Amino acid sequence: MTDKLSIVPAERIERSILLIRGHKVMLDKDLAVLYDVTTFNLNKAVKRNLKRFPPDFMFRLTPAEFKSMIFQIGISKKGRGGTRYCPYAFTEQGVAMLSSVLNSERAIMVNIEIMRAFTRLRYLLSSHKELAHKLKELEKKYDSQFRAVFDAIRQLMATPEEPPKPRIGFHKG
């Protein structure tokens, strides 16, 4: 029901939520696209209201984290029209605080959708933990003849690692 009313697809928001330093965050550039503002203007509004964004609401990526992001999610390199500064990462609370800083109708509507996405993600993670706990209990209850079944279920529950992407372009050697 809410998907028909939303102005941003839930999948688009969920793809923008990353795990950095053990926190589920969204980067400033992704939020700027969702709010339909430039990253510069989003960051300018945040800087005018820095007291609203303590370190547990927002932090800047380190150069090493930023370099890693370039390879993982395709942020363009400095000097090629891309990001020149390490991006800000906003936790769920930081995203909620953005709605008070970006005081537009779209910001309010998008913020509601983002909060719903964080809630869905939290629910999925908790149900995954619950399932793992139940599996562990069942494994204790039954003997070793079911070990193969439990191992297969555990493999299905595991988050698959993405295979390394091949390099594009000319390669020496």
C-alpha atoms as a PDB file:
ATOM      1  CA  MET A   1       0.000   0.000   0.000  1.00  0.00           C
ATOM      2  CA  THR A   2       2.751   2.499   0.889  1.00  0.00           C
ATOM      3  CA  ASP A   3       4.786   1.657  -2.245  1.00  0.00           C
ATOM      4  CA  LYS A   4       2.072   3.164  -4.469  1.00  0.00           C
ATOM      5  CA  LEU A   5       2.243   6.409  -2.529  1.00  0.00           C
ATOM      6  CA  SER A   6       6.024   6.601  -2.219  1.00  0.00           C
ATOM      7  CA  ILE A   7       7.998   8.916  -4.452  1.00  0.00           C
ATOM      8  CA  VAL A   8      11.149   6.772  -4.258  1.00  0.00           C
ATOM      9  CA  PRO A   9      11.133   2.976  -4.754  1.00  0.00           C
ATOM     10  CA  ALA A  10      12.043   1.092  -1.571  1.00  0.00           C
ATOM     11  CA  GLU A  11      14.609  -1.007  -3.462  1.00  0.00           C
ATOM     12  CA  ARG A  12      16.474   2.131  -4.494  1.00  0.00           C
ATOM     13  CA  ILE A  13      16.734   3.244  -0.887  1.00  0.00           C
ATOM     14  CA  GLU A  14      17.702  -0.220   0.381  1.00  0.00           C
ATOM     15  CA  ARG A  15      20.517  -0.447  -2.190  1.00  0.00           C
ATOM     16  CA  SER A  16      21.898   2.830  -0.824  1.00  0.00           C
ATOM     17  CA  ILE A  17      22.185   1.567   2.764  1.00  0.00           C
ATOM     18  CA  LEU A  18      25.761   0.443   3.396  1.00  0.00           C
ATOM     19  CA  LEU A  19      27.545  -1.120   6.345  1.00  0.00           C
ATOM     20  CA  ILE A  20      30.535   1.035   7.315  1.00  0.00           C
ATOM     21  CA  ARG A  21      32.377   0.855  10.662  1.00  0.00           C
ATOM     22  CA  GLY A  22      29.657  -1.470  11.916  1.00  0.00           C
ATOM     23  CA  HIS A  23      26.890   1.074  11.239  1.00  0.00           C
ATOM     24  CA  LYS A  24      24.160   1.019   8.617  1.00  0.00           C
ATOM     25  CA  VAL A  25      24.653   4.323   6.810  1.00  0.00           C
ATOM     26  CA  MET A  26      23.771   6.252   3.690  1.00  0.00           C
ATOM     27  CA  LEU A  27      26.291   8.434   1.861  1.00  0.00           C
ATOM     28  CA  ASP A  28      25.707  12.126   1.266  1.00  0.00           C
ATOM     29  CA  LYS A  29      25.694  11.713  -2.516  1.00  0.00           C
ATOM     30  CA  ASP A  30      22.968   9.033  -2.385  1.00  0.00           C
ATOM     31  CA  LEU A  31      20.854  11.117  -0.021  1.00  0.00           C
ATOM     32  CA  ALA A  32      21.269  14.184  -2.243  1.00  0.00           C
ATOM     33  CA  VAL A  33      19.906  12.224  -5.221  1.00  0.00           C
ATOM     34  CA  LEU A  34      16.931  10.991  -3.194  1.00  0.00           C
ATOM     35  CA  TYR A  35      16.185  14.484  -1.857  1.00  0.00           C
ATOM     36  CA  ASP A  36      16.691  15.966  -5.330  1.00  0.00           C
ATOM     37  CA  VAL A  37      19.361  18.448  -4.209  1.00  0.00           C
ATOM     38  CA  THR A  38      23.045  18.696  -5.038  1.00  0.00           C
ATOM     39  CA  THR A  39      25.532  17.023  -2.717  1.00  0.00           C
ATOM     40  CA  PHE A  40      27.118  20.444  -2.236  1.00  0.00           C
ATOM     41  CA  ASN A  41      23.824  21.974  -1.037  1.00  0.00           C
ATOM     42  CA  LEU A  42      23.048  19.015   1.231  1.00  0.00           C
ATOM     43  CA  ASN A  43      26.470  19.271   2.872  1.00  0.00           C
ATOM     44  CA  LYS A  44      26.175  23.051   3.110  1.00  0.00           C
ATOM     45  CA  ALA A  45      22.862  22.694   4.994  1.00  0.00           C
ATOM     46  CA  VAL A  46      24.467  20.133   7.307  1.00  0.00           C
ATOM     47  CA  LYS A  47      27.488  22.372   7.984  1.00  0.00           C
ATOM     48  CA  ARG A  48      25.153  25.242   8.921  1.00  0.00           C
ATOM     49  CA  ASN A  49      23.586  22.926  11.518  1.00  0.00           C
ATOM     50  CA  LEU A  50      26.597  20.906  12.739  1.00  0.00           C
ATOM     51  CA  LYS A  51      25.303  20.805  16.327  1.00  0.00           C
ATOM     52  CA  ARG A  52      22.474  18.562  15.092  1.00  0.00           C
ATOM     53  CA  PHE A  53      24.948  15.954  13.768  1.00  0.00           C
ATOM     54  CA  PRO A  54      27.148  14.452  16.495  1.00  0.00           C
ATOM     55  CA  PRO A  55      29.616  11.688  15.496  1.00  0.00           C
ATOM     56  CA  ASP A  56      27.058   8.918  16.086  1.00  0.00           C
ATOM     57  CA  PHE A  57      24.697  10.619  13.574  1.00  0.00           C
ATOM     58  CA  MET A  58      27.234  11.471  10.869  1.00  0.00           C
ATOM     59  CA  PHE A  59      30.915  10.924  10.136  1.00  0.00           C
ATOM     60  CA  ARG A  60      33.266  11.550   7.240  1.00  0.00           C
ATOM     61  CA  LEU A  61      34.852   8.542   5.580  1.00  0.00           C
ATOM     62  CA  THR A  62      38.613   8.224   5.901  1.00  0.00           C
ATOM     63  CA  PRO A  63      40.709   8.373   2.721  1.00  0.00           C
ATOM     64  CA  ALA A  64      41.251   4.585   2.967  1.00  0.00           C
ATOM     65  CA  GLU A  65      37.501   3.932   3.303  1.00  0.00           C
ATOM     66  CA  PHE A  66      36.824   6.306   0.430  1.00  0.00           C
ATOM     67  CA  LYS A  67      39.398   4.582  -1.782  1.00  0.00           C
ATOM     68  CA  SER A  68      37.768   1.256  -0.983  1.00  0.00           C
ATOM     69  CA  MET A  69      34.373   2.713  -1.937  1.00  0.00           C
ATOM     70  CA  ILE A  70      35.735   3.783  -5.322  1.00  0.00           C
ATOM     71  CA  PHE A  71      36.406   0.148  -6.132  1.00  0.00           C
ATOM     72  CA  GLN A  72      33.309  -1.332  -4.487  1.00  0.00           C
ATOM     73  CA  ILE A  73      30.502   0.933  -5.648  1.00  0.00           C
ATOM     74  CA  GLY A  74      31.990   2.832  -8.530  1.00  0.00           C
ATOM     75  CA  ILE A  75      32.498   6.355  -7.188  1.00  0.00           C
ATOM     76  CA  SER A  76      34.584   8.137  -9.803  1.00  0.00           C
ATOM     77  CA  LYS A  77      38.151   9.134  -9.056  1.00  0.00           C
ATOM     78  CA  LYS A  78      39.380  12.630  -8.266  1.00  0.00           C
ATOM     79  CA  GLY A  79      40.374  14.514 -11.398  1.00  0.00           C
ATOM     80  CA  ARG A  80      37.796  12.775 -13.577  1.00  0.00           C
ATOM     81  CA  GLY A  81      34.831  14.910 -12.632  1.00  0.00           C
ATOM     82  CA  GLY A  82      34.126  12.843  -9.544  1.00  0.00           C
ATOM     83  CA  THR A  83      34.066  13.435  -5.824  1.00  0.00           C
ATOM     84  CA  ARG A  84      37.004  15.496  -4.531  1.00  0.00           C
ATOM     85  CA  TYR A  85      36.292  15.092  -0.828  1.00  0.00           C
ATOM     86  CA  CYS A  86      35.641  12.050   1.302  1.00  0.00           C
ATOM     87  CA  PRO A  87      31.865  11.705   1.597  1.00  0.00           C
ATOM     88  CA  TYR A  88      29.829  11.995   4.756  1.00  0.00           C
ATOM     89  CA  ALA A  89      28.064   8.875   6.025  1.00  0.00           C
ATOM     90  CA  PHE A  90      24.765   9.381   7.848  1.00  0.00           C
ATOM     91  CA  THR A  91      23.432   6.819  10.326  1.00  0.00           C
ATOM     92  CA  GLU A  92      19.702   6.255  10.691  1.00  0.00           C
ATOM     93  CA  GLN A  93      19.533   8.998  13.323  1.00  0.00           C
ATOM     94  CA  GLY A  94      21.506  11.349  11.077  1.00  0.00           C
ATOM     95  CA  VAL A  95      19.103  10.722   8.201  1.00  0.00           C
ATOM     96  CA  ALA A  96      16.194  11.465  10.538  1.00  0.00           C
ATOM     97  CA  MET A  97      17.879  14.715  11.552  1.00  0.00           C
ATOM     98  CA  LEU A  98      18.259  15.701   7.890  1.00  0.00           C
ATOM     99  CA  SER A  99      14.498  16.172   7.644  1.00  0.00           C
ATOM    100  CA  SER A 100      14.743  19.109  10.043  1.00  0.00           C
ATOM    101  CA  VAL A 101      17.640  20.623   8.097  1.00  0.00           C
ATOM    102  CA  LEU A 102      16.195  20.119   4.611  1.00  0.00           C
ATOM    103  CA  ASN A 103      12.793  21.605   5.191  1.00  0.00           C
ATOM    104  CA  SER A 104      10.981  20.766   1.965  1.00  0.00           C
ATOM    105  CA  GLU A 105       7.930  18.660   1.180  1.00  0.00           C
ATOM    106  CA  ARG A 106      10.052  16.182  -0.805  1.00  0.00           C
ATOM    107  CA  ALA A 107      12.594  15.882   2.023  1.00  0.00           C
ATOM    108  CA  ILE A 108       9.831  14.959   4.452  1.00  0.00           C
ATOM    109  CA  MET A 109       8.303  12.364   2.114  1.00  0.00           C
ATOM    110  CA  VAL A 110      11.664  10.825   1.183  1.00  0.00           C
ATOM    111  CA  ASN A 111      12.703  10.761   4.836  1.00  0.00           C
ATOM    112  CA  ILE A 112       9.623   8.746   5.741  1.00  0.00           C
ATOM    113  CA  GLU A 113      10.505   6.201   3.049  1.00  0.00           C
ATOM    114  CA  ILE A 114      14.108   5.993   4.245  1.00  0.00           C
ATOM    115  CA  MET A 115      12.996   5.407   7.846  1.00  0.00           C
ATOM    116  CA  ARG A 116      10.725   2.601   6.606  1.00  0.00           C
ATOM    117  CA  ALA A 117      13.641   1.048   4.710  1.00  0.00           C
ATOM    118  CA  PHE A 118      15.845   1.105   7.827  1.00  0.00           C
ATOM    119  CA  THR A 119      13.003  -0.524   9.799  1.00  0.00           C
ATOM    120  CA  ARG A 120      12.573  -3.265   7.166  1.00  0.00           C
ATOM    121  CA  LEU A 121      16.310  -3.915   7.193  1.00  0.00           C
ATOM    122  CA  ARG A 122      16.360  -4.149  10.985  1.00  0.00           C
ATOM    123  CA  TYR A 123      13.432  -6.609  10.866  1.00  0.00           C
ATOM    124  CA  LEU A 124      15.180  -8.782   8.254  1.00  0.00           C
ATOM    125  CA  LEU A 125      18.385  -8.873  10.279  1.00  0.00           C
ATOM    126  CA  SER A 126      16.574  -9.804  13.487  1.00  0.00           C
ATOM    127  CA  SER A 127      14.577 -12.572  11.783  1.00  0.00           C
ATOM    128  CA  HIS A 128      17.823 -13.929  10.290  1.00  0.00           C
ATOM    129  CA  LYS A 129      19.383 -14.082  13.781  1.00  0.00           C
ATOM    130  CA  GLU A 130      16.258 -15.776  15.112  1.00  0.00           C
ATOM    131  CA  LEU A 131      16.417 -18.401  12.369  1.00  0.00           C
ATOM    132  CA  ALA A 132      20.107 -19.073  13.074  1.00  0.00           C
ATOM    133  CA  HIS A 133      19.323 -19.518  16.782  1.00  0.00           C
ATOM    134  CA  LYS A 134      16.482 -21.957  16.048  1.00  0.00           C
ATOM    135  CA  LEU A 135      18.748 -23.916  13.707  1.00  0.00           C
ATOM    136  CA  LYS A 136      21.386 -24.188  16.433  1.00  0.00           C
ATOM    137  CA  GLU A 137      18.767 -25.497  18.886  1.00  0.00           C
ATOM    138  CA  LEU A 138      17.549 -28.098  16.385  1.00  0.00           C
ATOM    139  CA  GLU A 139      21.119 -29.194  15.723  1.00  0.00           C
ATOM    140  CA  LYS A 140      21.616 -29.860  19.450  1.00  0.00           C
ATOM    141  CA  LYS A 141      18.394 -31.851  19.544  1.00  0.00           C
ATOM    142  CA  TYR A 142      19.121 -34.196  16.638  1.00  0.00           C
ATOM    143  CA  ASP A 143      22.104 -36.465  16.111  1.00  0.00           C
ATOM    144  CA  SER A 144      24.907 -36.233  13.574  1.00  0.00           C
ATOM    145  CA  GLN A 145      22.980 -37.897  10.740  1.00  0.00           C
ATOM    146  CA  PHE A 146      21.286 -34.540  10.113  1.00  0.00           C
ATOM    147  CA  ARG A 147      24.570 -32.589  10.115  1.00  0.00           C
ATOM    148  CA  ALA A 148      24.614 -32.413   6.297  1.00  0.00           C
ATOM    149  CA  VAL A 149      21.080 -30.968   6.310  1.00  0.00           C
ATOM    150  CA  PHE A 150      22.019 -28.320   8.887  1.00  0.00           C
ATOM    151  CA  ASP A 151      25.200 -27.426   6.975  1.00  0.00           C
ATOM    152  CA  ALA A 152      23.192 -27.029   3.761  1.00  0.00           C
ATOM    153  CA  ILE A 153      20.666 -24.757   5.491  1.00  0.00           C
ATOM    154  CA  ARG A 154      23.496 -22.677   6.962  1.00  0.00           C
ATOM    155  CA  GLN A 155      25.026 -22.249   3.497  1.00  0.00           C
ATOM    156  CA  LEU A 156      21.681 -21.049   2.164  1.00  0.00           C
ATOM    157  CA  MET A 157      21.408 -18.536   5.014  1.00  0.00           C
ATOM    158  CA  ALA A 158      24.924 -17.191   4.480  1.00  0.00           C
ATOM    159  CA  THR A 159      25.196 -13.954   2.569  1.00  0.00           C
ATOM    160  CA  PRO A 160      26.907 -14.772  -0.714  1.00  0.00           C
ATOM    161  CA  GLU A 161      30.128 -12.937  -1.414  1.00  0.00           C
ATOM    162  CA  GLU A 162      30.244 -11.146  -4.708  1.00  0.00           C
ATOM    163  CA  PRO A 163      32.913 -12.501  -7.048  1.00  0.00           C
ATOM    164  CA  PRO A 164      35.639  -9.992  -7.905  1.00  0.00           C
ATOM    165  CA  LYS A 165      34.770  -7.940 -10.954  1.00  0.00           C
ATOM    166  CA  PRO A 166      37.162  -8.177 -13.900  1.00  0.00           C
ATOM    167  CA  ARG A 167      39.203  -5.107 -14.660  1.00  0.00           C
ATOM    168  CA  ILE A 168      38.079  -3.115 -17.629  1.00  0.00           C
ATOM    169  CA  GLY A 169      40.507  -1.780 -20.219  1.00  0.00           C
ATOM    170  CA  PHE A 170      43.916  -2.658 -21.571  1.00  0.00           C
ATOM    171  CA  HIS A 171      46.127  -4.850 -19.377  1.00  0.00           C
ATOM    172  CA  LYS A 172      49.915  -5.061 -19.618  1.00  0.00           C
ATOM    173  CA  GLY A 173      51.531  -8.388 -19.698  1.00  0.00           C
END
